[in-house]
């Protein structure tokens, strides 16, 4: 994963926080998908091995935060 995706996800989270809508944090994402907070952070920042599961989770996160 490249930094553009992580930056875009974080910008969407900041936008959502400013607008007062969910998800506005990585904690909201973790709660929604039933994942741990550290794992969500690692996913967003690209510190997880590239696999089909990782790409699927990132696609779901991008859709949830409003990127797509």
PDB file of N, CA and C in Angstrom:
ATOM      1  N   UNK A   1       0.837  -1.179   0.000  1.00  0.00           N
ATOM      2  CA  UNK A   1       0.000   0.000   0.000  1.00  0.00           C
ATOM      3  C   UNK A   1       0.880   1.240   0.000  1.00  0.00           C
ATOM      4  N   UNK A   2       0.427   2.257  -0.654  1.00  0.00           N
ATOM      5  CA  UNK A   2       1.199   3.485  -0.671  1.00  0.00           C
ATOM      6  C   UNK A   2       0.621   4.490   0.317  1.00  0.00           C
ATOM      7  N   UNK A   3       1.372   5.551   0.542  1.00  0.00           N
ATOM      8  CA  UNK A   3       0.966   6.545   1.525  1.00  0.00           C
ATOM      9  C   UNK A   3      -0.235   7.356   1.084  1.00  0.00           C
ATOM     10  N   UNK A   4      -0.520   7.407  -0.201  1.00  0.00           N
ATOM     11  CA  UNK A   4      -1.655   8.178  -0.673  1.00  0.00           C
ATOM     12  C   UNK A   4      -2.960   7.635  -0.104  1.00  0.00           C
ATOM     13  N   UNK A   5      -3.086   6.325  -0.017  1.00  0.00           N
ATOM     14  CA  UNK A   5      -4.311   5.727   0.516  1.00  0.00           C
ATOM     15  C   UNK A   5      -4.455   6.042   1.999  1.00  0.00           C
ATOM     16  N   UNK A   6      -3.388   5.892   2.756  1.00  0.00           N
ATOM     17  CA  UNK A   6      -3.471   6.169   4.188  1.00  0.00           C
ATOM     18  C   UNK A   6      -3.771   7.636   4.439  1.00  0.00           C
ATOM     19  N   UNK A   7      -3.161   8.526   3.661  1.00  0.00           N
ATOM     20  CA  UNK A   7      -3.442   9.957   3.804  1.00  0.00           C
ATOM     21  C   UNK A   7      -4.888  10.264   3.466  1.00  0.00           C
ATOM     22  N   UNK A   8      -5.408   9.648   2.427  1.00  0.00           N
ATOM     23  CA  UNK A   8      -6.788   9.886   2.019  1.00  0.00           C
ATOM     24  C   UNK A   8      -7.769   9.384   3.080  1.00  0.00           C
ATOM     25  N   UNK A   9      -7.487   8.230   3.667  1.00  0.00           N
ATOM     26  CA  UNK A   9      -8.369   7.702   4.718  1.00  0.00           C
ATOM     27  C   UNK A   9      -8.354   8.637   5.919  1.00  0.00           C
ATOM     28  N   UNK A  10      -7.169   9.095   6.304  1.00  0.00           N
ATOM     29  CA  UNK A  10      -7.084   9.992   7.457  1.00  0.00           C
ATOM     30  C   UNK A  10      -7.764  11.330   7.179  1.00  0.00           C
ATOM     31  N   UNK A  11      -7.671  11.824   5.947  1.00  0.00           N
ATOM     32  CA  UNK A  11      -8.373  13.057   5.586  1.00  0.00           C
ATOM     33  C   UNK A  11      -9.885  12.865   5.658  1.00  0.00           C
ATOM     34  N   UNK A  12     -10.363  11.716   5.212  1.00  0.00           N
ATOM     35  CA  UNK A  12     -11.800  11.431   5.305  1.00  0.00           C
ATOM     36  C   UNK A  12     -12.255  11.368   6.759  1.00  0.00           C
ATOM     37  N   UNK A  13     -11.428  10.780   7.621  1.00  0.00           N
ATOM     38  CA  UNK A  13     -11.778  10.718   9.040  1.00  0.00           C
ATOM     39  C   UNK A  13     -11.834  12.120   9.638  1.00  0.00           C
ATOM     40  N   UNK A  14     -10.875  12.975   9.275  1.00  0.00           N
ATOM     41  CA  UNK A  14     -10.885  14.355   9.772  1.00  0.00           C
ATOM     42  C   UNK A  14     -12.101  15.116   9.265  1.00  0.00           C
ATOM     43  N   UNK A  15     -12.440  14.905   7.990  1.00  0.00           N
ATOM     44  CA  UNK A  15     -13.627  15.550   7.422  1.00  0.00           C
ATOM     45  C   UNK A  15     -14.875  15.113   8.176  1.00  0.00           C
ATOM     46  N   UNK A  16     -14.999  13.803   8.419  1.00  0.00           N
ATOM     47  CA  UNK A  16     -16.159  13.286   9.131  1.00  0.00           C
ATOM     48  C   UNK A  16     -16.244  13.847  10.543  1.00  0.00           C
ATOM     49  N   UNK A  17     -15.105  13.983  11.205  1.00  0.00           N
ATOM     50  CA  UNK A  17     -15.089  14.528  12.559  1.00  0.00           C
ATOM     51  C   UNK A  17     -15.559  15.973  12.549  1.00  0.00           C
ATOM     52  N   UNK A  18     -15.086  16.735  11.573  1.00  0.00           N
ATOM     53  CA  UNK A  18     -15.476  18.134  11.458  1.00  0.00           C
ATOM     54  C   UNK A  18     -16.980  18.269  11.194  1.00  0.00           C
ATOM     55  N   UNK A  19     -17.536  17.330  10.409  1.00  0.00           N
ATOM     56  CA  UNK A  19     -18.960  17.354  10.092  1.00  0.00           C
ATOM     57  C   UNK A  19     -19.818  16.692  11.173  1.00  0.00           C
ATOM     58  N   UNK A  20     -19.178  16.008  12.104  1.00  0.00           N
ATOM     59  CA  UNK A  20     -19.896  15.368  13.194  1.00  0.00           C
ATOM     60  C   UNK A  20     -20.583  14.075  12.805  1.00  0.00           C
ATOM     61  N   UNK A  21     -20.013  13.361  11.817  1.00  0.00           N
ATOM     62  CA  UNK A  21     -20.586  12.087  11.395  1.00  0.00           C
ATOM     63  C   UNK A  21     -19.607  10.949  11.670  1.00  0.00           C
ATOM     64  N   UNK A  22     -20.149   9.747  11.705  1.00  0.00           N
ATOM     65  CA  UNK A  22     -19.325   8.558  11.925  1.00  0.00           C
ATOM     66  C   UNK A  22     -18.964   7.950  10.585  1.00  0.00           C
ATOM     67  N   UNK A  23     -17.826   7.337  10.433  1.00  0.00           N
ATOM     68  CA  UNK A  23     -16.734   7.174  11.384  1.00  0.00           C
ATOM     69  C   UNK A  23     -15.853   8.420  11.403  1.00  0.00           C
ATOM     70  N   UNK A  24     -15.439   8.789  12.575  1.00  0.00           N
ATOM     71  CA  UNK A  24     -14.567   9.949  12.695  1.00  0.00           C
ATOM     72  C   UNK A  24     -13.233   9.589  13.335  1.00  0.00           C
ATOM     73  N   UNK A  25     -13.024   8.292  13.565  1.00  0.00           N
ATOM     74  CA  UNK A  25     -11.760   7.858  14.156  1.00  0.00           C
ATOM     75  C   UNK A  25     -11.479   6.411  13.776  1.00  0.00           C
ATOM     76  N   UNK A  26     -10.248   6.013  14.010  1.00  0.00           N
ATOM     77  CA  UNK A  26      -9.881   4.623  13.770  1.00  0.00           C
ATOM     78  C   UNK A  26     -10.607   3.698  14.736  1.00  0.00           C
ATOM     79  N   UNK A  27     -10.947   4.197  15.912  1.00  0.00           N
ATOM     80  CA  UNK A  27     -11.707   3.416  16.878  1.00  0.00           C
ATOM     81  C   UNK A  27     -13.094   3.085  16.328  1.00  0.00           C
ATOM     82  N   UNK A  28     -13.728   4.052  15.662  1.00  0.00           N
ATOM     83  CA  UNK A  28     -15.033   3.800  15.048  1.00  0.00           C
ATOM     84  C   UNK A  28     -14.929   2.699  13.998  1.00  0.00           C
ATOM     85  N   UNK A  29     -13.856   2.727  13.224  1.00  0.00           N
ATOM     86  CA  UNK A  29     -13.646   1.698  12.203  1.00  0.00           C
ATOM     87  C   UNK A  29     -13.458   0.333  12.859  1.00  0.00           C
ATOM     88  N   UNK A  30     -12.633   0.283  13.900  1.00  0.00           N
ATOM     89  CA  UNK A  30     -12.374  -0.976  14.602  1.00  0.00           C
ATOM     90  C   UNK A  30     -13.667  -1.543  15.185  1.00  0.00           C
ATOM     91  N   UNK A  31     -14.476  -0.698  15.790  1.00  0.00           N
ATOM     92  CA  UNK A  31     -15.738  -1.157  16.379  1.00  0.00           C
ATOM     93  C   UNK A  31     -16.698  -1.659  15.303  1.00  0.00           C
ATOM     94  N   UNK A  32     -16.767  -0.964  14.184  1.00  0.00           N
ATOM     95  CA  UNK A  32     -17.691  -1.334  13.113  1.00  0.00           C
ATOM     96  C   UNK A  32     -17.353  -2.703  12.514  1.00  0.00           C
ATOM     97  N   UNK A  33     -16.065  -2.962  12.293  1.00  0.00           N
ATOM     98  CA  UNK A  33     -15.652  -4.211  11.658  1.00  0.00           C
ATOM     99  C   UNK A  33     -15.268  -5.303  12.655  1.00  0.00           C
ATOM    100  N   UNK A  34     -15.283  -4.995  13.940  1.00  0.00           N
ATOM    101  CA  UNK A  34     -14.929  -5.992  14.948  1.00  0.00           C
ATOM    102  C   UNK A  34     -13.450  -6.327  14.953  1.00  0.00           C
ATOM    103  N   UNK A  35     -12.624  -5.339  14.648  1.00  0.00           N
ATOM    104  CA  UNK A  35     -11.172  -5.520  14.623  1.00  0.00           C
ATOM    105  C   UNK A  35     -10.548  -4.804  15.809  1.00  0.00           C
ATOM    106  N   UNK A  36      -9.296  -5.134  16.101  1.00  0.00           N
ATOM    107  CA  UNK A  36      -8.606  -4.436  17.172  1.00  0.00           C
ATOM    108  C   UNK A  36      -8.123  -3.079  16.667  1.00  0.00           C
ATOM    109  N   UNK A  37      -7.999  -2.138  17.585  1.00  0.00           N
ATOM    110  CA  UNK A  37      -7.549  -0.793  17.225  1.00  0.00           C
ATOM    111  C   UNK A  37      -6.136  -0.789  16.637  1.00  0.00           C
ATOM    112  N   UNK A  38      -5.189  -1.539  17.234  1.00  0.00           N
ATOM    113  CA  UNK A  38      -3.846  -1.561  16.640  1.00  0.00           C
ATOM    114  C   UNK A  38      -3.822  -2.150  15.233  1.00  0.00           C
ATOM    115  N   UNK A  39      -4.653  -3.151  14.969  1.00  0.00           N
ATOM    116  CA  UNK A  39      -4.690  -3.763  13.646  1.00  0.00           C
ATOM    117  C   UNK A  39      -5.224  -2.777  12.605  1.00  0.00           C
ATOM    118  N   UNK A  40      -6.256  -2.021  12.962  1.00  0.00           N
ATOM    119  CA  UNK A  40      -6.796  -1.011  12.053  1.00  0.00           C
ATOM    120  C   UNK A  40      -5.719   0.026  11.747  1.00  0.00           C
ATOM    121  N   UNK A  41      -4.977   0.447  12.756  1.00  0.00           N
ATOM    122  CA  UNK A  41      -3.892   1.403  12.545  1.00  0.00           C
ATOM    123  C   UNK A  41      -2.846   0.833  11.602  1.00  0.00           C
ATOM    124  N   UNK A  42      -2.476  -0.423  11.792  1.00  0.00           N
ATOM    125  CA  UNK A  42      -1.494  -1.058  10.926  1.00  0.00           C
ATOM    126  C   UNK A  42      -2.015  -1.203   9.504  1.00  0.00           C
ATOM    127  N   UNK A  43      -3.296  -1.526   9.354  1.00  0.00           N
ATOM    128  CA  UNK A  43      -3.897  -1.620   8.023  1.00  0.00           C
ATOM    129  C   UNK A  43      -3.827  -0.279   7.297  1.00  0.00           C
ATOM    130  N   UNK A  44      -4.260   0.759   7.967  1.00  0.00           N
ATOM    131  CA  UNK A  44      -4.312   2.081   7.347  1.00  0.00           C
ATOM    132  C   UNK A  44      -2.916   2.588   7.000  1.00  0.00           C
ATOM    133  N   UNK A  45      -1.959   2.322   7.862  1.00  0.00           N
ATOM    134  CA  UNK A  45      -0.607   2.829   7.643  1.00  0.00           C
ATOM    135  C   UNK A  45       0.264   1.910   6.803  1.00  0.00           C
ATOM    136  N   UNK A  46      -0.279   0.777   6.347  1.00  0.00           N
ATOM    137  CA  UNK A  46       0.441  -0.101   5.437  1.00  0.00           C
ATOM    138  C   UNK A  46       1.490  -0.977   6.072  1.00  0.00           C
ATOM    139  N   UNK A  47       1.313  -1.323   7.346  1.00  0.00           N
ATOM    140  CA  UNK A  47       2.281  -2.170   8.038  1.00  0.00           C
ATOM    141  C   UNK A  47       1.828  -3.620   8.124  1.00  0.00           C
ATOM    142  N   UNK A  48       0.923  -4.019   7.216  1.00  0.00           N
ATOM    143  CA  UNK A  48       0.406  -5.384   7.176  1.00  0.00           C
ATOM    144  C   UNK A  48       0.789  -5.976   5.822  1.00  0.00           C
ATOM    145  N   UNK A  49       1.093  -7.249   5.800  1.00  0.00           N
ATOM    146  CA  UNK A  49       1.486  -7.908   4.557  1.00  0.00           C
ATOM    147  C   UNK A  49       0.385  -7.768   3.503  1.00  0.00           C
ATOM    148  N   UNK A  50       0.808  -7.558   2.279  1.00  0.00           N
ATOM    149  CA  UNK A  50      -0.136  -7.405   1.177  1.00  0.00           C
ATOM    150  C   UNK A  50      -0.705  -8.774   0.812  1.00  0.00           C
ATOM    151  N   UNK A  51      -2.014  -8.917   0.996  1.00  0.00           N
ATOM    152  CA  UNK A  51      -2.692 -10.175   0.659  1.00  0.00           C
ATOM    153  C   UNK A  51      -4.098  -9.842   0.182  1.00  0.00           C
ATOM    154  N   UNK A  52      -4.800 -10.848  -0.268  1.00  0.00           N
ATOM    155  CA  UNK A  52      -6.174 -10.640  -0.730  1.00  0.00           C
ATOM    156  C   UNK A  52      -7.056 -10.159   0.420  1.00  0.00           C
ATOM    157  N   UNK A  53      -6.848 -10.700   1.606  1.00  0.00           N
ATOM    158  CA  UNK A  53      -7.624 -10.300   2.776  1.00  0.00           C
ATOM    159  C   UNK A  53      -7.351  -8.838   3.140  1.00  0.00           C
ATOM    160  N   UNK A  54      -6.101  -8.436   3.088  1.00  0.00           N
ATOM    161  CA  UNK A  54      -5.739  -7.050   3.387  1.00  0.00           C
ATOM    162  C   UNK A  54      -6.385  -6.095   2.395  1.00  0.00           C
ATOM    163  N   UNK A  55      -6.310  -6.415   1.123  1.00  0.00           N
ATOM    164  CA  UNK A  55      -6.930  -5.559   0.099  1.00  0.00           C
ATOM    165  C   UNK A  55      -8.434  -5.485   0.278  1.00  0.00           C
ATOM    166  N   UNK A  56      -9.060  -6.603   0.656  1.00  0.00           N
ATOM    167  CA  UNK A  56     -10.506  -6.630   0.880  1.00  0.00           C
ATOM    168  C   UNK A  56     -10.886  -5.756   2.067  1.00  0.00           C
ATOM    169  N   UNK A  57     -10.137  -5.866   3.146  1.00  0.00           N
ATOM    170  CA  UNK A  57     -10.428  -5.045   4.334  1.00  0.00           C
ATOM    171  C   UNK A  57     -10.227  -3.564   4.034  1.00  0.00           C
ATOM    172  N   UNK A  58      -9.160  -3.218   3.311  1.00  0.00           N
ATOM    173  CA  UNK A  58      -8.925  -1.817   2.965  1.00  0.00           C
ATOM    174  C   UNK A  58     -10.034  -1.269   2.079  1.00  0.00           C
ATOM    175  N   UNK A  59     -10.512  -2.072   1.154  1.00  0.00           N
ATOM    176  CA  UNK A  59     -11.617  -1.641   0.292  1.00  0.00           C
ATOM    177  C   UNK A  59     -12.868  -1.377   1.128  1.00  0.00           C
ATOM    178  N   UNK A  60     -13.137  -2.243   2.101  1.00  0.00           N
ATOM    179  CA  UNK A  60     -14.294  -2.052   2.970  1.00  0.00           C
ATOM    180  C   UNK A  60     -14.136  -0.813   3.840  1.00  0.00           C
ATOM    181  N   UNK A  61     -12.929  -0.572   4.334  1.00  0.00           N
ATOM    182  CA  UNK A  61     -12.665   0.614   5.154  1.00  0.00           C
ATOM    183  C   UNK A  61     -12.829   1.874   4.321  1.00  0.00           C
ATOM    184  N   UNK A  62     -12.289   1.861   3.100  1.00  0.00           N
ATOM    185  CA  UNK A  62     -12.418   3.035   2.225  1.00  0.00           C
ATOM    186  C   UNK A  62     -13.883   3.341   1.948  1.00  0.00           C
ATOM    187  N   UNK A  63     -14.669   2.328   1.705  1.00  0.00           N
ATOM    188  CA  UNK A  63     -16.086   2.537   1.448  1.00  0.00           C
ATOM    189  C   UNK A  63     -16.791   3.069   2.712  1.00  0.00           C
ATOM    190  N   UNK A  64     -16.432   2.548   3.872  1.00  0.00           N
ATOM    191  CA  UNK A  64     -17.062   2.943   5.130  1.00  0.00           C
ATOM    192  C   UNK A  64     -16.768   4.408   5.472  1.00  0.00           C
ATOM    193  N   UNK A  65     -15.536   4.862   5.221  1.00  0.00           N
ATOM    194  CA  UNK A  65     -15.197   6.251   5.551  1.00  0.00           C
ATOM    195  C   UNK A  65     -15.680   7.237   4.507  1.00  0.00           C
ATOM    196  N   UNK A  66     -16.122   6.739   3.363  1.00  0.00           N
ATOM    197  CA  UNK A  66     -16.679   7.627   2.348  1.00  0.00           C
ATOM    198  C   UNK A  66     -15.756   7.987   1.218  1.00  0.00           C
ATOM    199  N   UNK A  67     -14.754   7.163   0.960  1.00  0.00           N
ATOM    200  CA  UNK A  67     -13.835   7.429  -0.134  1.00  0.00           C
ATOM    201  C   UNK A  67     -14.418   7.007  -1.475  1.00  0.00           C
ATOM    202  N   UNK A  68     -15.267   6.003  -1.490  1.00  0.00           N
ATOM    203  CA  UNK A  68     -15.803   5.484  -2.751  1.00  0.00           C
ATOM    204  C   UNK A  68     -17.301   5.466  -2.717  1.00  0.00           C
TER     205      UNK A  68
END
